Amino acid sequence: MVLRRKPDLPAELHPAWWSFVDCAEVIEAGRRVLLGTLPTGRVEPAPIGVGTDAVRRSIADAREWMPAWRLDELESDWQDCQAALDDAERGLDEVDEVAATTSELEELLESLQDVIDPLDTFADAERQWRRRWRLPRNR
């Protein structure tokens, strides 16, 4: 059995990879802020609006970088990530409304899932990059 090595990411695609990394990192940062607003233990969390605002900003930033990583080889993943941004953004208003109208953590968590889950698409897209190419470690 002969094992074939994945090809290195072609140099001309390095800017696209780093744009994807920027998108994924800003999305993850927004998610962390949002999840950090959930009550844990005795610590009073920041208002949920702080988290939803952070996700809105991260989505806006990601949208700016999205065109730079659109490649024919990853078109389906790109489209999925674009749709995920739309889905997550639509869910943010519901999170704000639920947070303003109930103190039930379960209801809040349910609405948060509608924001958080779609953004997992970026992790799926990263796996596709990694399946296809050996990626650069440094810019």
N, C-alpha and C. Protein backbone atom coordinates (compact mmCIF):
# COMPACT_ATOMS: atom_id res chain seq x y z
N MET A 1 0.84 -1.18 0.00
CA MET A 1 0.00 0.00 0.00
C MET A 1 0.89 1.24 0.00
N VAL A 2 0.60 2.14 -0.90
CA VAL A 2 1.36 3.37 -1.03
C VAL A 2 0.54 4.51 -0.45
N LEU A 3 1.13 5.20 0.51
CA LEU A 3 0.47 6.37 1.09
C LEU A 3 0.87 7.60 0.31
N ARG A 4 -0.12 8.36 -0.09
CA ARG A 4 0.16 9.59 -0.82
C ARG A 4 0.05 10.76 0.14
N ARG A 5 1.02 11.60 0.06
CA ARG A 5 1.01 12.82 0.86
C ARG A 5 0.09 13.84 0.25
N LYS A 6 -0.61 14.57 1.12
CA LYS A 6 -1.41 15.68 0.61
C LYS A 6 -0.46 16.71 0.02
N PRO A 7 -0.91 17.38 -1.01
CA PRO A 7 -0.05 18.43 -1.57
C PRO A 7 -0.03 19.63 -0.62
N ASP A 8 1.08 20.36 -0.69
CA ASP A 8 1.13 21.63 0.04
C ASP A 8 0.13 22.59 -0.58
N LEU A 9 -0.40 23.47 0.24
CA LEU A 9 -1.28 24.51 -0.28
C LEU A 9 -0.45 25.36 -1.25
N PRO A 10 -0.91 25.52 -2.49
CA PRO A 10 -0.15 26.35 -3.43
C PRO A 10 0.04 27.77 -2.88
N ALA A 11 1.19 28.32 -3.13
CA ALA A 11 1.54 29.64 -2.60
C ALA A 11 0.50 30.70 -2.96
N GLU A 12 -0.08 30.60 -4.15
CA GLU A 12 -1.05 31.61 -4.55
C GLU A 12 -2.36 31.53 -3.75
N LEU A 13 -2.55 30.42 -3.02
CA LEU A 13 -3.75 30.27 -2.19
C LEU A 13 -3.50 30.60 -0.71
N HIS A 14 -2.25 30.91 -0.37
CA HIS A 14 -1.96 31.27 1.02
C HIS A 14 -2.79 32.45 1.52
N PRO A 15 -2.94 33.53 0.72
CA PRO A 15 -3.78 34.63 1.22
C PRO A 15 -5.23 34.19 1.50
N ALA A 16 -5.75 33.29 0.69
CA ALA A 16 -7.11 32.79 0.92
C ALA A 16 -7.17 32.02 2.23
N TRP A 17 -6.16 31.19 2.49
CA TRP A 17 -6.13 30.43 3.75
C TRP A 17 -6.11 31.37 4.94
N TRP A 18 -5.26 32.37 4.89
CA TRP A 18 -5.15 33.27 6.04
C TRP A 18 -6.41 34.12 6.21
N SER A 19 -7.10 34.42 5.12
CA SER A 19 -8.39 35.10 5.24
C SER A 19 -9.41 34.19 5.90
N PHE A 20 -9.38 32.91 5.53
CA PHE A 20 -10.27 31.96 6.19
C PHE A 20 -9.95 31.90 7.69
N VAL A 21 -8.67 31.82 8.03
CA VAL A 21 -8.26 31.77 9.44
C VAL A 21 -8.77 33.00 10.18
N ASP A 22 -8.64 34.17 9.57
CA ASP A 22 -9.14 35.39 10.20
C ASP A 22 -10.65 35.29 10.46
N CYS A 23 -11.39 34.80 9.47
CA CYS A 23 -12.85 34.63 9.64
C CYS A 23 -13.14 33.69 10.81
N ALA A 24 -12.51 32.54 10.79
CA ALA A 24 -12.78 31.53 11.82
C ALA A 24 -12.41 32.05 13.21
N GLU A 25 -11.28 32.74 13.31
CA GLU A 25 -10.85 33.25 14.61
C GLU A 25 -11.78 34.33 15.14
N VAL A 26 -12.23 35.23 14.29
CA VAL A 26 -13.11 36.30 14.77
C VAL A 26 -14.47 35.72 15.16
N ILE A 27 -14.93 34.72 14.44
CA ILE A 27 -16.19 34.07 14.80
C ILE A 27 -16.05 33.37 16.15
N GLU A 28 -14.95 32.67 16.34
CA GLU A 28 -14.74 31.97 17.61
C GLU A 28 -14.64 32.96 18.77
N ALA A 29 -13.99 34.08 18.54
CA ALA A 29 -13.89 35.10 19.61
C ALA A 29 -15.27 35.63 19.98
N GLY A 30 -16.11 35.89 19.01
CA GLY A 30 -17.46 36.36 19.29
C GLY A 30 -18.27 35.32 20.06
N ARG A 31 -18.11 34.05 19.66
CA ARG A 31 -18.82 32.97 20.35
C ARG A 31 -18.37 32.89 21.82
N ARG A 32 -17.08 33.02 22.05
CA ARG A 32 -16.58 32.95 23.43
C ARG A 32 -17.16 34.06 24.30
N VAL A 33 -17.24 35.27 23.74
CA VAL A 33 -17.82 36.38 24.50
C VAL A 33 -19.28 36.08 24.81
N LEU A 34 -20.02 35.60 23.82
CA LEU A 34 -21.43 35.29 24.04
C LEU A 34 -21.59 34.22 25.11
N LEU A 35 -20.84 33.16 25.01
CA LEU A 35 -20.95 32.09 26.01
C LEU A 35 -20.49 32.56 27.39
N GLY A 36 -19.58 33.53 27.42
CA GLY A 36 -19.11 34.07 28.68
C GLY A 36 -20.14 34.90 29.42
N THR A 37 -21.24 35.23 28.74
CA THR A 37 -22.30 36.00 29.40
C THR A 37 -23.30 35.09 30.13
N LEU A 38 -23.12 33.79 30.00
CA LEU A 38 -24.03 32.86 30.69
C LEU A 38 -23.67 32.79 32.16
N PRO A 39 -24.69 32.66 33.00
CA PRO A 39 -24.42 32.57 34.44
C PRO A 39 -23.71 31.26 34.80
N THR A 40 -22.66 31.39 35.58
CA THR A 40 -21.94 30.21 36.08
C THR A 40 -21.61 30.46 37.54
N GLY A 41 -22.02 29.53 38.36
CA GLY A 41 -21.70 29.66 39.79
C GLY A 41 -22.25 30.94 40.37
N ARG A 42 -21.44 31.55 41.20
CA ARG A 42 -21.87 32.76 41.91
C ARG A 42 -21.44 34.05 41.23
N VAL A 43 -20.74 33.91 40.13
CA VAL A 43 -20.24 35.10 39.42
C VAL A 43 -21.36 35.71 38.59
N GLU A 44 -21.56 36.99 38.75
CA GLU A 44 -22.57 37.70 37.97
C GLU A 44 -22.00 37.95 36.57
N PRO A 45 -22.63 37.38 35.54
CA PRO A 45 -22.09 37.54 34.19
C PRO A 45 -22.40 38.91 33.61
N ALA A 46 -21.73 39.22 32.53
CA ALA A 46 -22.05 40.44 31.79
C ALA A 46 -23.44 40.27 31.18
N PRO A 47 -24.11 41.36 30.87
CA PRO A 47 -25.42 41.25 30.23
C PRO A 47 -25.32 40.50 28.89
N ILE A 48 -26.34 39.74 28.56
CA ILE A 48 -26.34 38.96 27.33
C ILE A 48 -26.13 39.84 26.10
N GLY A 49 -26.60 41.10 26.18
CA GLY A 49 -26.41 42.02 25.07
C GLY A 49 -24.96 42.27 24.72
N VAL A 50 -24.09 42.16 25.71
CA VAL A 50 -22.65 42.30 25.44
C VAL A 50 -22.21 41.16 24.51
N GLY A 51 -22.71 39.98 24.78
CA GLY A 51 -22.36 38.83 23.95
C GLY A 51 -22.96 38.89 22.56
N THR A 52 -24.23 39.28 22.48
CA THR A 52 -24.85 39.35 21.15
C THR A 52 -24.22 40.46 20.31
N ASP A 53 -23.85 41.57 20.95
CA ASP A 53 -23.14 42.63 20.21
C ASP A 53 -21.79 42.14 19.70
N ALA A 54 -21.09 41.35 20.52
CA ALA A 54 -19.79 40.82 20.11
C ALA A 54 -19.94 39.88 18.91
N VAL A 55 -20.98 39.07 18.92
CA VAL A 55 -21.20 38.17 17.78
C VAL A 55 -21.58 38.97 16.54
N ARG A 56 -22.41 39.98 16.71
CA ARG A 56 -22.76 40.82 15.55
C ARG A 56 -21.50 41.45 14.93
N ARG A 57 -20.62 41.95 15.78
CA ARG A 57 -19.37 42.55 15.27
C ARG A 57 -18.50 41.49 14.61
N SER A 58 -18.44 40.30 15.20
CA SER A 58 -17.59 39.26 14.61
C SER A 58 -18.16 38.81 13.26
N ILE A 59 -19.48 38.75 13.15
CA ILE A 59 -20.09 38.39 11.87
C ILE A 59 -19.79 39.46 10.83
N ALA A 60 -19.89 40.72 11.21
CA ALA A 60 -19.58 41.81 10.27
C ALA A 60 -18.13 41.74 9.81
N ASP A 61 -17.22 41.47 10.74
CA ASP A 61 -15.81 41.34 10.37
C ASP A 61 -15.60 40.14 9.44
N ALA A 62 -16.22 39.02 9.78
CA ALA A 62 -16.06 37.82 8.95
C ALA A 62 -16.59 38.07 7.54
N ARG A 63 -17.70 38.77 7.43
CA ARG A 63 -18.26 39.05 6.10
C ARG A 63 -17.26 39.82 5.23
N GLU A 64 -16.46 40.69 5.85
CA GLU A 64 -15.46 41.44 5.08
C GLU A 64 -14.37 40.53 4.52
N TRP A 65 -14.01 39.46 5.27
CA TRP A 65 -12.95 38.55 4.82
C TRP A 65 -13.46 37.41 3.94
N MET A 66 -14.76 37.17 3.95
CA MET A 66 -15.31 36.02 3.21
C MET A 66 -14.91 36.01 1.73
N PRO A 67 -15.05 37.11 1.00
CA PRO A 67 -14.72 37.05 -0.43
C PRO A 67 -13.27 36.62 -0.70
N ALA A 68 -12.38 36.92 0.21
CA ALA A 68 -10.96 36.64 -0.01
C ALA A 68 -10.62 35.15 0.06
N TRP A 69 -11.50 34.33 0.63
CA TRP A 69 -11.20 32.90 0.66
C TRP A 69 -12.16 32.06 -0.18
N ARG A 70 -12.89 32.71 -1.04
CA ARG A 70 -13.81 31.99 -1.92
C ARG A 70 -13.00 31.35 -3.05
N LEU A 71 -12.96 30.02 -3.03
CA LEU A 71 -12.22 29.23 -4.02
C LEU A 71 -13.15 28.21 -4.66
N ASP A 72 -12.92 27.93 -5.94
CA ASP A 72 -13.74 26.91 -6.61
C ASP A 72 -13.69 25.57 -5.87
N GLU A 73 -12.51 25.21 -5.38
CA GLU A 73 -12.32 23.92 -4.71
C GLU A 73 -13.13 23.81 -3.41
N LEU A 74 -13.47 24.94 -2.81
CA LEU A 74 -14.17 24.96 -1.53
C LEU A 74 -15.48 25.74 -1.61
N GLU A 75 -16.04 25.84 -2.80
CA GLU A 75 -17.24 26.65 -3.00
C GLU A 75 -18.40 26.22 -2.09
N SER A 76 -18.60 24.93 -1.99
CA SER A 76 -19.70 24.43 -1.15
C SER A 76 -19.49 24.84 0.31
N ASP A 77 -18.27 24.71 0.79
CA ASP A 77 -17.96 25.10 2.17
C ASP A 77 -18.12 26.61 2.36
N TRP A 78 -17.70 27.37 1.36
CA TRP A 78 -17.84 28.82 1.43
C TRP A 78 -19.32 29.19 1.52
N GLN A 79 -20.13 28.58 0.66
CA GLN A 79 -21.58 28.85 0.67
C GLN A 79 -22.19 28.48 2.02
N ASP A 80 -21.76 27.33 2.57
CA ASP A 80 -22.26 26.91 3.89
C ASP A 80 -21.90 27.92 4.97
N CYS A 81 -20.68 28.44 4.93
CA CYS A 81 -20.26 29.43 5.93
C CYS A 81 -21.03 30.74 5.75
N GLN A 82 -21.27 31.13 4.52
CA GLN A 82 -22.05 32.35 4.26
C GLN A 82 -23.46 32.18 4.83
N ALA A 83 -24.07 31.03 4.59
CA ALA A 83 -25.41 30.76 5.12
C ALA A 83 -25.39 30.71 6.65
N ALA A 84 -24.32 30.17 7.22
CA ALA A 84 -24.21 30.09 8.68
C ALA A 84 -24.17 31.48 9.30
N LEU A 85 -23.46 32.40 8.66
CA LEU A 85 -23.43 33.78 9.16
C LEU A 85 -24.84 34.38 9.15
N ASP A 86 -25.58 34.13 8.07
CA ASP A 86 -26.95 34.63 7.97
C ASP A 86 -27.82 34.02 9.07
N ASP A 87 -27.73 32.70 9.24
CA ASP A 87 -28.54 32.01 10.24
C ASP A 87 -28.23 32.51 11.65
N ALA A 88 -26.96 32.62 11.96
CA ALA A 88 -26.56 33.07 13.30
C ALA A 88 -27.02 34.50 13.54
N GLU A 89 -26.85 35.33 12.55
CA GLU A 89 -27.26 36.74 12.70
C GLU A 89 -28.76 36.85 12.95
N ARG A 90 -29.55 36.06 12.24
CA ARG A 90 -31.01 36.07 12.46
C ARG A 90 -31.35 35.64 13.88
N GLY A 91 -30.59 34.71 14.44
CA GLY A 91 -30.87 34.22 15.78
C GLY A 91 -30.55 35.19 16.89
N LEU A 92 -29.72 36.18 16.62
CA LEU A 92 -29.29 37.10 17.67
C LEU A 92 -30.43 37.94 18.24
N ASP A 93 -31.34 38.37 17.38
CA ASP A 93 -32.47 39.17 17.87
C ASP A 93 -33.33 38.34 18.83
N GLU A 94 -33.51 37.06 18.52
CA GLU A 94 -34.29 36.20 19.40
C GLU A 94 -33.58 36.04 20.75
N VAL A 95 -32.27 35.89 20.74
CA VAL A 95 -31.53 35.78 22.00
C VAL A 95 -31.75 37.02 22.85
N ASP A 96 -31.64 38.19 22.22
CA ASP A 96 -31.87 39.44 22.96
C ASP A 96 -33.28 39.49 23.53
N GLU A 97 -34.26 39.07 22.73
CA GLU A 97 -35.66 39.11 23.19
C GLU A 97 -35.89 38.13 24.33
N VAL A 98 -35.38 36.91 24.19
CA VAL A 98 -35.55 35.92 25.26
C VAL A 98 -34.89 36.41 26.54
N ALA A 99 -33.70 36.96 26.42
CA ALA A 99 -32.99 37.46 27.61
C ALA A 99 -33.76 38.58 28.29
N ALA A 100 -34.47 39.39 27.50
CA ALA A 100 -35.21 40.52 28.06
C ALA A 100 -36.55 40.11 28.66
N THR A 101 -37.06 38.94 28.26
CA THR A 101 -38.42 38.59 28.69
C THR A 101 -38.50 37.41 29.65
N THR A 102 -37.40 36.73 29.90
CA THR A 102 -37.46 35.59 30.82
C THR A 102 -36.16 35.45 31.59
N SER A 103 -36.26 34.84 32.73
CA SER A 103 -35.05 34.53 33.49
C SER A 103 -34.77 33.04 33.44
N GLU A 104 -35.49 32.31 32.60
CA GLU A 104 -35.32 30.87 32.45
C GLU A 104 -34.07 30.58 31.63
N LEU A 105 -33.09 29.98 32.28
CA LEU A 105 -31.83 29.67 31.60
C LEU A 105 -32.04 28.70 30.44
N GLU A 106 -32.94 27.75 30.61
CA GLU A 106 -33.18 26.76 29.56
C GLU A 106 -33.66 27.42 28.27
N GLU A 107 -34.56 28.39 28.38
CA GLU A 107 -35.05 29.10 27.20
C GLU A 107 -33.92 29.90 26.54
N LEU A 108 -33.09 30.52 27.35
CA LEU A 108 -31.97 31.28 26.82
C LEU A 108 -30.99 30.36 26.10
N LEU A 109 -30.69 29.22 26.71
CA LEU A 109 -29.76 28.27 26.08
C LEU A 109 -30.30 27.77 24.75
N GLU A 110 -31.58 27.54 24.70
CA GLU A 110 -32.19 27.07 23.45
C GLU A 110 -32.03 28.11 22.35
N SER A 111 -32.28 29.37 22.67
CA SER A 111 -32.12 30.41 21.66
C SER A 111 -30.65 30.62 21.29
N LEU A 112 -29.75 30.44 22.27
CA LEU A 112 -28.31 30.56 21.98
C LEU A 112 -27.85 29.49 21.00
N GLN A 113 -28.42 28.30 21.11
CA GLN A 113 -28.04 27.22 20.20
C GLN A 113 -28.30 27.60 18.75
N ASP A 114 -29.35 28.39 18.51
CA ASP A 114 -29.67 28.82 17.15
C ASP A 114 -28.63 29.79 16.60
N VAL A 115 -27.82 30.36 17.47
CA VAL A 115 -26.72 31.23 17.05
C VAL A 115 -25.42 30.46 16.98
N ILE A 116 -25.16 29.68 18.00
CA ILE A 116 -23.88 28.98 18.12
C ILE A 116 -23.74 27.83 17.11
N ASP A 117 -24.77 27.00 17.00
CA ASP A 117 -24.67 25.82 16.16
C ASP A 117 -24.32 26.11 14.70
N PRO A 118 -24.98 27.08 14.06
CA PRO A 118 -24.61 27.32 12.66
C PRO A 118 -23.14 27.68 12.46
N LEU A 119 -22.57 28.34 13.45
CA LEU A 119 -21.18 28.79 13.31
C LEU A 119 -20.18 27.65 13.37
N ASP A 120 -20.63 26.46 13.78
CA ASP A 120 -19.76 25.27 13.71
C ASP A 120 -19.37 24.95 12.28
N THR A 121 -20.07 25.53 11.34
CA THR A 121 -19.78 25.33 9.92
C THR A 121 -18.35 25.76 9.59
N PHE A 122 -17.83 26.74 10.31
CA PHE A 122 -16.45 27.17 10.06
C PHE A 122 -15.46 26.06 10.43
N ALA A 123 -15.75 25.31 11.47
CA ALA A 123 -14.89 24.17 11.83
C ALA A 123 -14.97 23.10 10.75
N ASP A 124 -16.15 22.89 10.20
CA ASP A 124 -16.31 21.93 9.10
C ASP A 124 -15.50 22.38 7.89
N ALA A 125 -15.54 23.66 7.58
CA ALA A 125 -14.78 24.18 6.44
C ALA A 125 -13.28 24.03 6.68
N GLU A 126 -12.85 24.26 7.90
CA GLU A 126 -11.42 24.10 8.19
C GLU A 126 -10.98 22.66 7.95
N ARG A 127 -11.82 21.71 8.32
CA ARG A 127 -11.49 20.30 8.06
C ARG A 127 -11.32 20.05 6.57
N GLN A 128 -12.12 20.71 5.75
CA GLN A 128 -11.99 20.54 4.30
C GLN A 128 -10.67 21.10 3.79
N TRP A 129 -10.28 22.25 4.30
CA TRP A 129 -8.96 22.79 3.95
C TRP A 129 -7.88 21.77 4.29
N ARG A 130 -7.97 21.24 5.50
CA ARG A 130 -6.94 20.32 5.98
C ARG A 130 -6.97 18.97 5.25
N ARG A 131 -8.10 18.53 4.82
CA ARG A 131 -8.17 17.27 4.06
C ARG A 131 -7.54 17.43 2.68
N ARG A 132 -7.67 18.59 2.12
CA ARG A 132 -7.22 18.83 0.75
C ARG A 132 -5.72 19.14 0.65
N TRP A 133 -5.23 19.94 1.62
CA TRP A 133 -3.86 20.44 1.52
C TRP A 133 -3.13 20.36 2.86
N ARG A 134 -1.82 20.35 2.77
CA ARG A 134 -0.97 20.62 3.94
C ARG A 134 -0.87 22.14 4.01
N LEU A 135 -1.27 22.68 5.14
CA LEU A 135 -1.40 24.13 5.25
C LEU A 135 -0.17 24.77 5.88
N PRO A 136 0.10 26.03 5.50
CA PRO A 136 1.24 26.73 6.09
C PRO A 136 0.99 27.01 7.56
N ARG A 137 2.04 27.02 8.32
CA ARG A 137 1.93 27.28 9.76
C ARG A 137 2.16 28.76 10.09
N ASN A 138 2.86 29.43 9.26
CA ASN A 138 3.19 30.84 9.53
C ASN A 138 2.80 31.68 8.33
N ARG A 139 2.44 32.91 8.63
CA ARG A 139 2.11 33.85 7.55
C ARG A 139 3.35 34.32 6.86
